[in-house]
Amino acid sequence: MAHICFCLDDEDSFEDEIDECMVEELAVFKSSRYIFLGSYRQWNGNWECMLYDGKYLTDDEFLSLFCMDQSFVMQLNSLVECDQEFRSVSRKLGKSASMLHIMVLLKFLGSYGNEAELQKLGLMMGISKGAVNNYMRRACNAILKHREQVIKWPRIEE
């Protein structure tokens, strides 16, 4: 500031005007700093690769992660995809809303110990840790509506 004053006038007669201009410029700069940022957080689509890309996960790896074969995950999703539970998020996620919910729930049910932490599940599936709980609740509610078809207890022979 002193350098600008010195260059313009030795007597600093414009000091107040320069200060006002600098404050105005600073206010404009501070208000525009968020303009150039993208979305706060953009999640990746790893879960789609896990499901649809055979090169990303083999069938055995998918089975070990989700404790269910891919074809059964697809069948389960087709059973619940039109459920009321997913209507509130289908605008954001599109038609794949139910599939992501099912995969989050299956991963949680198949995990134990530190692997069942919400943060780890969120990172793996590309969603926030706060959303993991909501996803599991919605998927559980949708699946439990079809519990007679979906949930089977082992027979004595098994």
N, C-alpha and C. Protein backbone atom coordinates (compact mmCIF):
# COMPACT_ATOMS: atom_id res chain seq x y z
N MET A 1 0.83 -1.18 0.00
CA MET A 1 0.00 0.00 0.00
C MET A 1 0.89 1.25 0.00
N ALA A 2 1.92 1.24 0.79
CA ALA A 2 2.81 2.40 0.86
C ALA A 2 3.50 2.61 -0.48
N HIS A 3 3.83 1.51 -1.16
CA HIS A 3 4.50 1.62 -2.46
C HIS A 3 3.57 2.28 -3.49
N ILE A 4 2.30 1.91 -3.48
CA ILE A 4 1.33 2.51 -4.40
C ILE A 4 1.19 4.00 -4.10
N CYS A 5 1.12 4.35 -2.84
CA CYS A 5 1.00 5.76 -2.45
C CYS A 5 2.23 6.54 -2.88
N PHE A 6 3.40 5.93 -2.70
CA PHE A 6 4.63 6.62 -3.08
C PHE A 6 4.69 6.86 -4.59
N CYS A 7 4.26 5.88 -5.35
CA CYS A 7 4.29 6.02 -6.81
C CYS A 7 3.31 7.08 -7.30
N LEU A 8 2.19 7.16 -6.67
CA LEU A 8 1.17 8.10 -7.13
C LEU A 8 1.38 9.51 -6.60
N ASP A 9 1.80 9.63 -5.37
CA ASP A 9 1.89 10.96 -4.79
C ASP A 9 2.75 10.89 -3.54
N ASP A 10 3.74 11.77 -3.47
CA ASP A 10 4.61 11.79 -2.30
C ASP A 10 3.88 12.24 -1.05
N GLU A 11 2.86 13.05 -1.20
CA GLU A 11 2.18 13.61 -0.03
C GLU A 11 1.06 12.71 0.47
N ASP A 12 0.77 11.60 -0.18
CA ASP A 12 -0.32 10.69 0.18
C ASP A 12 -1.67 11.37 0.22
N SER A 13 -1.90 12.29 -0.69
CA SER A 13 -3.17 13.00 -0.71
C SER A 13 -4.31 12.10 -1.19
N PHE A 14 -3.99 11.03 -1.93
CA PHE A 14 -5.01 10.12 -2.43
C PHE A 14 -5.10 8.83 -1.59
N GLU A 15 -4.50 8.85 -0.44
CA GLU A 15 -4.42 7.64 0.38
C GLU A 15 -5.79 7.08 0.72
N ASP A 16 -6.73 7.90 1.10
CA ASP A 16 -8.07 7.42 1.46
C ASP A 16 -8.78 6.82 0.26
N GLU A 17 -8.67 7.43 -0.90
CA GLU A 17 -9.29 6.92 -2.11
C GLU A 17 -8.67 5.58 -2.52
N ILE A 18 -7.36 5.50 -2.39
CA ILE A 18 -6.67 4.26 -2.74
C ILE A 18 -7.10 3.14 -1.78
N ASP A 19 -7.20 3.47 -0.50
CA ASP A 19 -7.64 2.47 0.47
C ASP A 19 -9.04 1.97 0.14
N GLU A 20 -9.92 2.87 -0.23
CA GLU A 20 -11.29 2.48 -0.58
C GLU A 20 -11.30 1.57 -1.81
N CYS A 21 -10.51 1.93 -2.80
CA CYS A 21 -10.42 1.10 -4.02
C CYS A 21 -9.87 -0.29 -3.70
N MET A 22 -8.86 -0.33 -2.85
CA MET A 22 -8.27 -1.62 -2.48
C MET A 22 -9.28 -2.48 -1.71
N VAL A 23 -10.04 -1.88 -0.82
CA VAL A 23 -11.04 -2.62 -0.06
C VAL A 23 -12.13 -3.14 -0.99
N GLU A 24 -12.53 -2.32 -1.97
CA GLU A 24 -13.54 -2.77 -2.93
C GLU A 24 -13.02 -3.92 -3.78
N GLU A 25 -11.78 -3.81 -4.23
CA GLU A 25 -11.18 -4.88 -5.04
C GLU A 25 -11.06 -6.18 -4.22
N LEU A 26 -10.69 -6.03 -2.96
CA LEU A 26 -10.59 -7.19 -2.09
C LEU A 26 -11.95 -7.86 -1.90
N ALA A 27 -12.99 -7.06 -1.74
CA ALA A 27 -14.34 -7.61 -1.58
C ALA A 27 -14.77 -8.36 -2.83
N VAL A 28 -14.48 -7.82 -4.00
CA VAL A 28 -14.82 -8.49 -5.26
C VAL A 28 -14.04 -9.79 -5.38
N PHE A 29 -12.77 -9.75 -5.04
CA PHE A 29 -11.95 -10.95 -5.12
C PHE A 29 -12.46 -12.04 -4.17
N LYS A 30 -12.77 -11.65 -2.94
CA LYS A 30 -13.27 -12.64 -1.96
C LYS A 30 -14.60 -13.23 -2.39
N SER A 31 -15.47 -12.43 -2.99
CA SER A 31 -16.77 -12.96 -3.40
C SER A 31 -16.68 -13.85 -4.63
N SER A 32 -15.64 -13.68 -5.43
CA SER A 32 -15.54 -14.47 -6.65
C SER A 32 -14.69 -15.72 -6.49
N ARG A 33 -14.12 -15.93 -5.34
CA ARG A 33 -13.22 -17.08 -5.20
C ARG A 33 -13.94 -18.42 -5.31
N TYR A 34 -15.24 -18.45 -5.08
CA TYR A 34 -15.99 -19.71 -5.19
C TYR A 34 -16.51 -19.95 -6.60
N ILE A 35 -16.44 -18.97 -7.43
CA ILE A 35 -16.95 -19.10 -8.79
C ILE A 35 -16.16 -20.13 -9.59
N PHE A 36 -14.86 -20.17 -9.37
CA PHE A 36 -14.00 -21.00 -10.18
C PHE A 36 -13.88 -22.43 -9.68
N LEU A 37 -14.45 -22.72 -8.54
CA LEU A 37 -14.42 -24.08 -8.03
C LEU A 37 -15.49 -24.92 -8.70
N GLY A 38 -15.22 -26.19 -8.87
CA GLY A 38 -16.22 -27.11 -9.40
C GLY A 38 -17.16 -27.51 -8.28
N SER A 39 -17.83 -28.61 -8.47
CA SER A 39 -18.69 -29.13 -7.43
C SER A 39 -17.84 -29.43 -6.20
N TYR A 40 -18.47 -29.34 -5.05
CA TYR A 40 -17.72 -29.57 -3.82
C TYR A 40 -17.05 -30.94 -3.84
N ARG A 41 -17.80 -31.93 -4.20
CA ARG A 41 -17.24 -33.27 -4.26
C ARG A 41 -17.96 -34.04 -5.35
N GLN A 42 -17.20 -34.63 -6.21
CA GLN A 42 -17.80 -35.45 -7.26
C GLN A 42 -17.36 -36.88 -7.04
N TRP A 43 -18.33 -37.74 -6.87
CA TRP A 43 -18.03 -39.13 -6.57
C TRP A 43 -17.79 -39.90 -7.85
N ASN A 44 -16.92 -40.84 -7.75
CA ASN A 44 -16.60 -41.66 -8.92
C ASN A 44 -17.63 -42.76 -9.09
N GLY A 45 -17.56 -43.41 -10.21
CA GLY A 45 -18.51 -44.47 -10.51
C GLY A 45 -17.90 -45.85 -10.38
N ASN A 46 -17.05 -46.06 -9.36
CA ASN A 46 -16.41 -47.36 -9.19
C ASN A 46 -17.41 -48.49 -9.05
N TRP A 47 -18.52 -48.21 -8.42
CA TRP A 47 -19.49 -49.28 -8.18
C TRP A 47 -20.06 -49.78 -9.51
N GLU A 48 -20.17 -48.91 -10.50
CA GLU A 48 -20.65 -49.36 -11.81
C GLU A 48 -19.60 -50.25 -12.48
N CYS A 49 -18.33 -49.91 -12.29
CA CYS A 49 -17.27 -50.77 -12.82
C CYS A 49 -17.28 -52.13 -12.15
N MET A 50 -17.52 -52.13 -10.83
CA MET A 50 -17.57 -53.40 -10.10
C MET A 50 -18.68 -54.30 -10.64
N LEU A 51 -19.76 -53.69 -11.05
CA LEU A 51 -20.92 -54.47 -11.46
C LEU A 51 -20.87 -54.85 -12.94
N TYR A 52 -20.52 -53.91 -13.78
CA TYR A 52 -20.67 -54.13 -15.22
C TYR A 52 -19.38 -54.46 -15.96
N ASP A 53 -18.23 -54.08 -15.40
CA ASP A 53 -16.97 -54.30 -16.10
C ASP A 53 -16.29 -55.54 -15.55
N GLY A 54 -16.23 -56.57 -16.36
CA GLY A 54 -15.61 -57.83 -15.94
C GLY A 54 -14.12 -57.73 -15.72
N LYS A 55 -13.48 -56.70 -16.24
CA LYS A 55 -12.04 -56.52 -16.06
C LYS A 55 -11.73 -55.89 -14.69
N TYR A 56 -12.68 -55.18 -14.13
CA TYR A 56 -12.47 -54.50 -12.86
C TYR A 56 -12.46 -55.50 -11.70
N LEU A 57 -13.45 -56.38 -11.68
CA LEU A 57 -13.55 -57.44 -10.67
C LEU A 57 -13.91 -58.75 -11.36
N THR A 58 -13.25 -59.80 -10.97
CA THR A 58 -13.65 -61.11 -11.49
C THR A 58 -14.92 -61.55 -10.75
N ASP A 59 -15.53 -62.62 -11.22
CA ASP A 59 -16.74 -63.14 -10.56
C ASP A 59 -16.45 -63.56 -9.12
N ASP A 60 -15.29 -64.18 -8.93
CA ASP A 60 -14.92 -64.63 -7.57
C ASP A 60 -14.69 -63.44 -6.65
N GLU A 61 -14.05 -62.40 -7.15
CA GLU A 61 -13.82 -61.20 -6.33
C GLU A 61 -15.14 -60.51 -5.99
N PHE A 62 -16.03 -60.45 -6.96
CA PHE A 62 -17.34 -59.86 -6.71
C PHE A 62 -18.09 -60.65 -5.64
N LEU A 63 -18.04 -61.96 -5.75
CA LEU A 63 -18.71 -62.83 -4.78
C LEU A 63 -18.12 -62.64 -3.38
N SER A 64 -16.80 -62.51 -3.29
CA SER A 64 -16.19 -62.34 -1.97
C SER A 64 -16.49 -60.97 -1.38
N LEU A 65 -16.65 -59.95 -2.21
CA LEU A 65 -16.96 -58.62 -1.70
C LEU A 65 -18.41 -58.46 -1.28
N PHE A 66 -19.33 -59.01 -2.07
CA PHE A 66 -20.76 -58.77 -1.85
C PHE A 66 -21.53 -60.00 -1.38
N CYS A 67 -20.85 -61.12 -1.25
CA CYS A 67 -21.45 -62.37 -0.76
C CYS A 67 -22.66 -62.79 -1.60
N MET A 68 -22.66 -62.40 -2.85
CA MET A 68 -23.76 -62.76 -3.74
C MET A 68 -23.24 -62.66 -5.18
N ASP A 69 -23.66 -63.57 -6.01
CA ASP A 69 -23.27 -63.57 -7.41
C ASP A 69 -23.89 -62.37 -8.13
N GLN A 70 -23.22 -61.90 -9.18
CA GLN A 70 -23.71 -60.73 -9.92
C GLN A 70 -25.12 -60.95 -10.47
N SER A 71 -25.38 -62.12 -10.98
CA SER A 71 -26.70 -62.38 -11.56
C SER A 71 -27.80 -62.29 -10.50
N PHE A 72 -27.49 -62.75 -9.27
CA PHE A 72 -28.47 -62.65 -8.19
C PHE A 72 -28.66 -61.20 -7.73
N VAL A 73 -27.60 -60.43 -7.78
CA VAL A 73 -27.71 -59.00 -7.45
C VAL A 73 -28.63 -58.32 -8.45
N MET A 74 -28.48 -58.68 -9.72
CA MET A 74 -29.35 -58.13 -10.77
C MET A 74 -30.81 -58.53 -10.54
N GLN A 75 -31.04 -59.79 -10.19
CA GLN A 75 -32.40 -60.24 -9.92
C GLN A 75 -33.01 -59.53 -8.72
N LEU A 76 -32.21 -59.38 -7.67
CA LEU A 76 -32.68 -58.67 -6.48
C LEU A 76 -33.02 -57.23 -6.81
N ASN A 77 -32.18 -56.61 -7.61
CA ASN A 77 -32.44 -55.22 -8.01
C ASN A 77 -33.70 -55.11 -8.85
N SER A 78 -33.91 -56.03 -9.76
CA SER A 78 -35.12 -55.97 -10.59
C SER A 78 -36.39 -56.14 -9.76
N LEU A 79 -36.26 -56.83 -8.64
CA LEU A 79 -37.40 -57.02 -7.75
C LEU A 79 -37.77 -55.75 -6.99
N VAL A 80 -36.76 -54.95 -6.62
CA VAL A 80 -37.02 -53.78 -5.76
C VAL A 80 -36.81 -52.42 -6.43
N GLU A 81 -36.39 -52.40 -7.68
CA GLU A 81 -36.01 -51.12 -8.30
C GLU A 81 -37.15 -50.11 -8.42
N CYS A 82 -38.36 -50.53 -8.48
CA CYS A 82 -39.49 -49.61 -8.58
C CYS A 82 -40.11 -49.29 -7.23
N ASP A 83 -39.45 -49.69 -6.16
CA ASP A 83 -39.99 -49.48 -4.82
C ASP A 83 -40.02 -47.99 -4.47
N GLN A 84 -40.95 -47.64 -3.64
CA GLN A 84 -41.15 -46.27 -3.18
C GLN A 84 -39.92 -45.72 -2.46
N GLU A 85 -39.14 -46.57 -1.84
CA GLU A 85 -37.96 -46.15 -1.08
C GLU A 85 -36.95 -45.40 -1.95
N PHE A 86 -36.88 -45.73 -3.23
CA PHE A 86 -35.87 -45.15 -4.10
C PHE A 86 -36.36 -43.96 -4.91
N ARG A 87 -37.60 -43.60 -4.77
CA ARG A 87 -38.16 -42.51 -5.57
C ARG A 87 -37.52 -41.18 -5.23
N SER A 88 -37.20 -40.95 -3.96
CA SER A 88 -36.63 -39.66 -3.56
C SER A 88 -35.23 -39.45 -4.10
N VAL A 89 -34.49 -40.52 -4.35
CA VAL A 89 -33.12 -40.39 -4.85
C VAL A 89 -33.00 -40.72 -6.33
N SER A 90 -34.04 -41.20 -6.95
CA SER A 90 -33.93 -41.60 -8.36
C SER A 90 -33.70 -40.39 -9.26
N ARG A 91 -34.14 -39.21 -8.84
CA ARG A 91 -33.88 -38.01 -9.65
C ARG A 91 -32.39 -37.70 -9.68
N LYS A 92 -31.70 -37.94 -8.57
CA LYS A 92 -30.28 -37.65 -8.48
C LYS A 92 -29.43 -38.73 -9.14
N LEU A 93 -29.80 -39.99 -8.91
CA LEU A 93 -28.98 -41.10 -9.38
C LEU A 93 -29.50 -41.76 -10.64
N GLY A 94 -30.71 -41.46 -11.04
CA GLY A 94 -31.28 -42.06 -12.22
C GLY A 94 -31.76 -43.48 -11.95
N LYS A 95 -31.77 -44.27 -12.99
CA LYS A 95 -32.30 -45.63 -12.89
C LYS A 95 -31.43 -46.54 -12.03
N SER A 96 -30.19 -46.14 -11.83
CA SER A 96 -29.27 -46.99 -11.06
C SER A 96 -29.39 -46.77 -9.56
N ALA A 97 -30.34 -45.99 -9.11
CA ALA A 97 -30.46 -45.67 -7.68
C ALA A 97 -30.59 -46.93 -6.84
N SER A 98 -31.45 -47.82 -7.22
CA SER A 98 -31.67 -49.02 -6.41
C SER A 98 -30.45 -49.94 -6.42
N MET A 99 -29.76 -50.03 -7.53
CA MET A 99 -28.60 -50.91 -7.62
C MET A 99 -27.50 -50.49 -6.65
N LEU A 100 -27.22 -49.21 -6.59
CA LEU A 100 -26.19 -48.73 -5.67
C LEU A 100 -26.61 -49.00 -4.22
N HIS A 101 -27.87 -48.81 -3.91
CA HIS A 101 -28.37 -49.09 -2.57
C HIS A 101 -28.19 -50.56 -2.21
N ILE A 102 -28.54 -51.44 -3.13
CA ILE A 102 -28.42 -52.88 -2.89
C ILE A 102 -26.96 -53.26 -2.67
N MET A 103 -26.08 -52.72 -3.48
CA MET A 103 -24.66 -53.07 -3.36
C MET A 103 -24.07 -52.57 -2.04
N VAL A 104 -24.47 -51.39 -1.60
CA VAL A 104 -23.99 -50.86 -0.31
C VAL A 104 -24.46 -51.77 0.82
N LEU A 105 -25.71 -52.17 0.78
CA LEU A 105 -26.24 -53.05 1.82
C LEU A 105 -25.55 -54.41 1.82
N LEU A 106 -25.36 -54.98 0.65
CA LEU A 106 -24.71 -56.30 0.57
C LEU A 106 -23.26 -56.23 1.07
N LYS A 107 -22.57 -55.17 0.72
CA LYS A 107 -21.18 -55.01 1.19
C LYS A 107 -21.16 -54.88 2.70
N PHE A 108 -22.09 -54.12 3.26
CA PHE A 108 -22.15 -53.97 4.72
C PHE A 108 -22.45 -55.30 5.40
N LEU A 109 -23.43 -56.03 4.87
CA LEU A 109 -23.82 -57.31 5.48
C LEU A 109 -22.70 -58.35 5.37
N GLY A 110 -21.89 -58.23 4.35
CA GLY A 110 -20.80 -59.18 4.15
C GLY A 110 -19.50 -58.77 4.81
N SER A 111 -19.50 -57.65 5.51
CA SER A 111 -18.28 -57.16 6.16
C SER A 111 -18.39 -57.32 7.67
N TYR A 112 -17.26 -57.35 8.30
CA TYR A 112 -17.23 -57.38 9.75
C TYR A 112 -15.99 -56.63 10.22
N GLY A 113 -16.02 -56.22 11.47
CA GLY A 113 -14.88 -55.49 12.03
C GLY A 113 -14.71 -54.14 11.37
N ASN A 114 -13.48 -53.77 11.12
CA ASN A 114 -13.17 -52.47 10.53
C ASN A 114 -13.67 -52.32 9.10
N GLU A 115 -13.88 -53.42 8.42
CA GLU A 115 -14.37 -53.34 7.04
C GLU A 115 -15.80 -52.84 6.96
N ALA A 116 -16.53 -52.91 8.06
CA ALA A 116 -17.93 -52.47 8.07
C ALA A 116 -18.07 -51.00 8.47
N GLU A 117 -16.97 -50.26 8.56
CA GLU A 117 -17.04 -48.84 8.89
C GLU A 117 -17.71 -48.08 7.76
N LEU A 118 -18.52 -47.12 8.12
CA LEU A 118 -19.25 -46.34 7.11
C LEU A 118 -18.29 -45.61 6.18
N GLN A 119 -17.20 -45.10 6.72
CA GLN A 119 -16.25 -44.37 5.88
C GLN A 119 -15.61 -45.27 4.84
N LYS A 120 -15.24 -46.47 5.22
CA LYS A 120 -14.63 -47.41 4.26
C LYS A 120 -15.64 -47.83 3.20
N LEU A 121 -16.86 -48.10 3.62
CA LEU A 121 -17.89 -48.46 2.65
C LEU A 121 -18.14 -47.31 1.69
N GLY A 122 -18.21 -46.10 2.22
CA GLY A 122 -18.43 -44.93 1.37
C GLY A 122 -17.32 -44.73 0.36
N LEU A 123 -16.09 -44.86 0.81
CA LEU A 123 -14.96 -44.70 -0.11
C LEU A 123 -14.98 -45.76 -1.21
N MET A 124 -15.29 -46.98 -0.82
CA MET A 124 -15.32 -48.06 -1.81
C MET A 124 -16.42 -47.86 -2.84
N MET A 125 -17.58 -47.43 -2.38
CA MET A 125 -18.73 -47.31 -3.27
C MET A 125 -18.85 -45.91 -3.90
N GLY A 126 -18.02 -44.99 -3.49
CA GLY A 126 -18.03 -43.66 -4.10
C GLY A 126 -19.14 -42.75 -3.59
N ILE A 127 -19.54 -42.93 -2.32
CA ILE A 127 -20.54 -42.06 -1.72
C ILE A 127 -20.00 -41.57 -0.39
N SER A 128 -20.64 -40.58 0.19
CA SER A 128 -20.17 -40.05 1.47
C SER A 128 -20.53 -41.01 2.59
N LYS A 129 -19.76 -40.93 3.68
CA LYS A 129 -20.03 -41.84 4.80
C LYS A 129 -21.38 -41.55 5.43
N GLY A 130 -21.85 -40.32 5.33
CA GLY A 130 -23.16 -39.99 5.86
C GLY A 130 -24.29 -40.61 5.06
N ALA A 131 -24.06 -40.80 3.78
CA ALA A 131 -25.09 -41.38 2.92
C ALA A 131 -25.18 -42.89 3.05
N VAL A 132 -24.11 -43.53 3.51
CA VAL A 132 -24.09 -44.99 3.59
C VAL A 132 -25.23 -45.50 4.46
N ASN A 133 -25.43 -44.88 5.60
CA ASN A 133 -26.50 -45.30 6.50
C ASN A 133 -27.87 -45.18 5.85
N ASN A 134 -28.11 -44.07 5.14
CA ASN A 134 -29.39 -43.88 4.45
C ASN A 134 -29.57 -44.92 3.35
N TYR A 135 -28.51 -45.23 2.62
CA TYR A 135 -28.59 -46.21 1.54
C TYR A 135 -28.95 -47.59 2.11
N MET A 136 -28.32 -47.95 3.22
CA MET A 136 -28.60 -49.25 3.82
C MET A 136 -30.04 -49.32 4.33
N ARG A 137 -30.52 -48.26 4.93
CA ARG A 137 -31.89 -48.24 5.45
C ARG A 137 -32.90 -48.38 4.32
N ARG A 138 -32.71 -47.63 3.24
CA ARG A 138 -33.64 -47.71 2.10
C ARG A 138 -33.64 -49.11 1.49
N ALA A 139 -32.45 -49.67 1.30
CA ALA A 139 -32.35 -51.00 0.70
C ALA A 139 -32.98 -52.05 1.60
N CYS A 140 -32.74 -51.95 2.89
CA CYS A 140 -33.36 -52.91 3.84
C CYS A 140 -34.87 -52.82 3.78
N ASN A 141 -35.40 -51.62 3.82
CA ASN A 141 -36.85 -51.45 3.78
C ASN A 141 -37.45 -52.04 2.51
N ALA A 142 -36.79 -51.80 1.38
CA ALA A 142 -37.30 -52.31 0.10
C ALA A 142 -37.22 -53.84 0.05
N ILE A 143 -36.13 -54.41 0.53
CA ILE A 143 -35.96 -55.86 0.48
C ILE A 143 -36.91 -56.56 1.44
N LEU A 144 -37.09 -55.98 2.61
CA LEU A 144 -37.96 -56.61 3.61
C LEU A 144 -39.42 -56.65 3.18
N LYS A 145 -39.81 -55.81 2.25
CA LYS A 145 -41.17 -55.87 1.71
C LYS A 145 -41.37 -57.16 0.91
N HIS A 146 -40.27 -57.75 0.46
CA HIS A 146 -40.31 -58.98 -0.34
C HIS A 146 -39.63 -60.13 0.41
N ARG A 147 -39.67 -60.10 1.71
CA ARG A 147 -38.91 -61.07 2.51
C ARG A 147 -39.30 -62.52 2.23
N GLU A 148 -40.53 -62.76 1.89
CA GLU A 148 -40.96 -64.14 1.62
C GLU A 148 -40.26 -64.70 0.38
N GLN A 149 -39.99 -63.85 -0.59
CA GLN A 149 -39.34 -64.29 -1.82
C GLN A 149 -37.82 -64.27 -1.72
N VAL A 150 -37.30 -63.39 -0.91
CA VAL A 150 -35.86 -63.11 -0.93
C VAL A 150 -35.09 -63.81 0.18
N ILE A 151 -35.62 -63.82 1.37
CA ILE A 151 -34.89 -64.35 2.52
C ILE A 151 -35.29 -65.81 2.73
N LYS A 152 -34.31 -66.67 2.66
CA LYS A 152 -34.53 -68.11 2.83
C LYS A 152 -33.60 -68.62 3.93
N TRP A 153 -34.16 -69.38 4.85
CA TRP A 153 -33.35 -70.01 5.89
C TRP A 153 -32.83 -71.33 5.36
N PRO A 154 -31.64 -71.72 5.76
CA PRO A 154 -31.08 -72.99 5.28
C PRO A 154 -31.91 -74.18 5.78
N ARG A 155 -32.02 -75.15 4.92
CA ARG A 155 -32.72 -76.39 5.30
C ARG A 155 -31.76 -77.28 6.08
N ILE A 156 -32.28 -78.33 6.66
CA ILE A 156 -31.46 -79.24 7.46
C ILE A 156 -30.39 -79.88 6.60
N GLU A 157 -30.74 -80.20 5.35
CA GLU A 157 -29.78 -80.83 4.44
C GLU A 157 -28.59 -79.92 4.12
N GLU A 158 -28.85 -78.62 4.15
CA GLU A 158 -27.79 -77.67 3.79
C GLU A 158 -26.87 -77.44 4.96
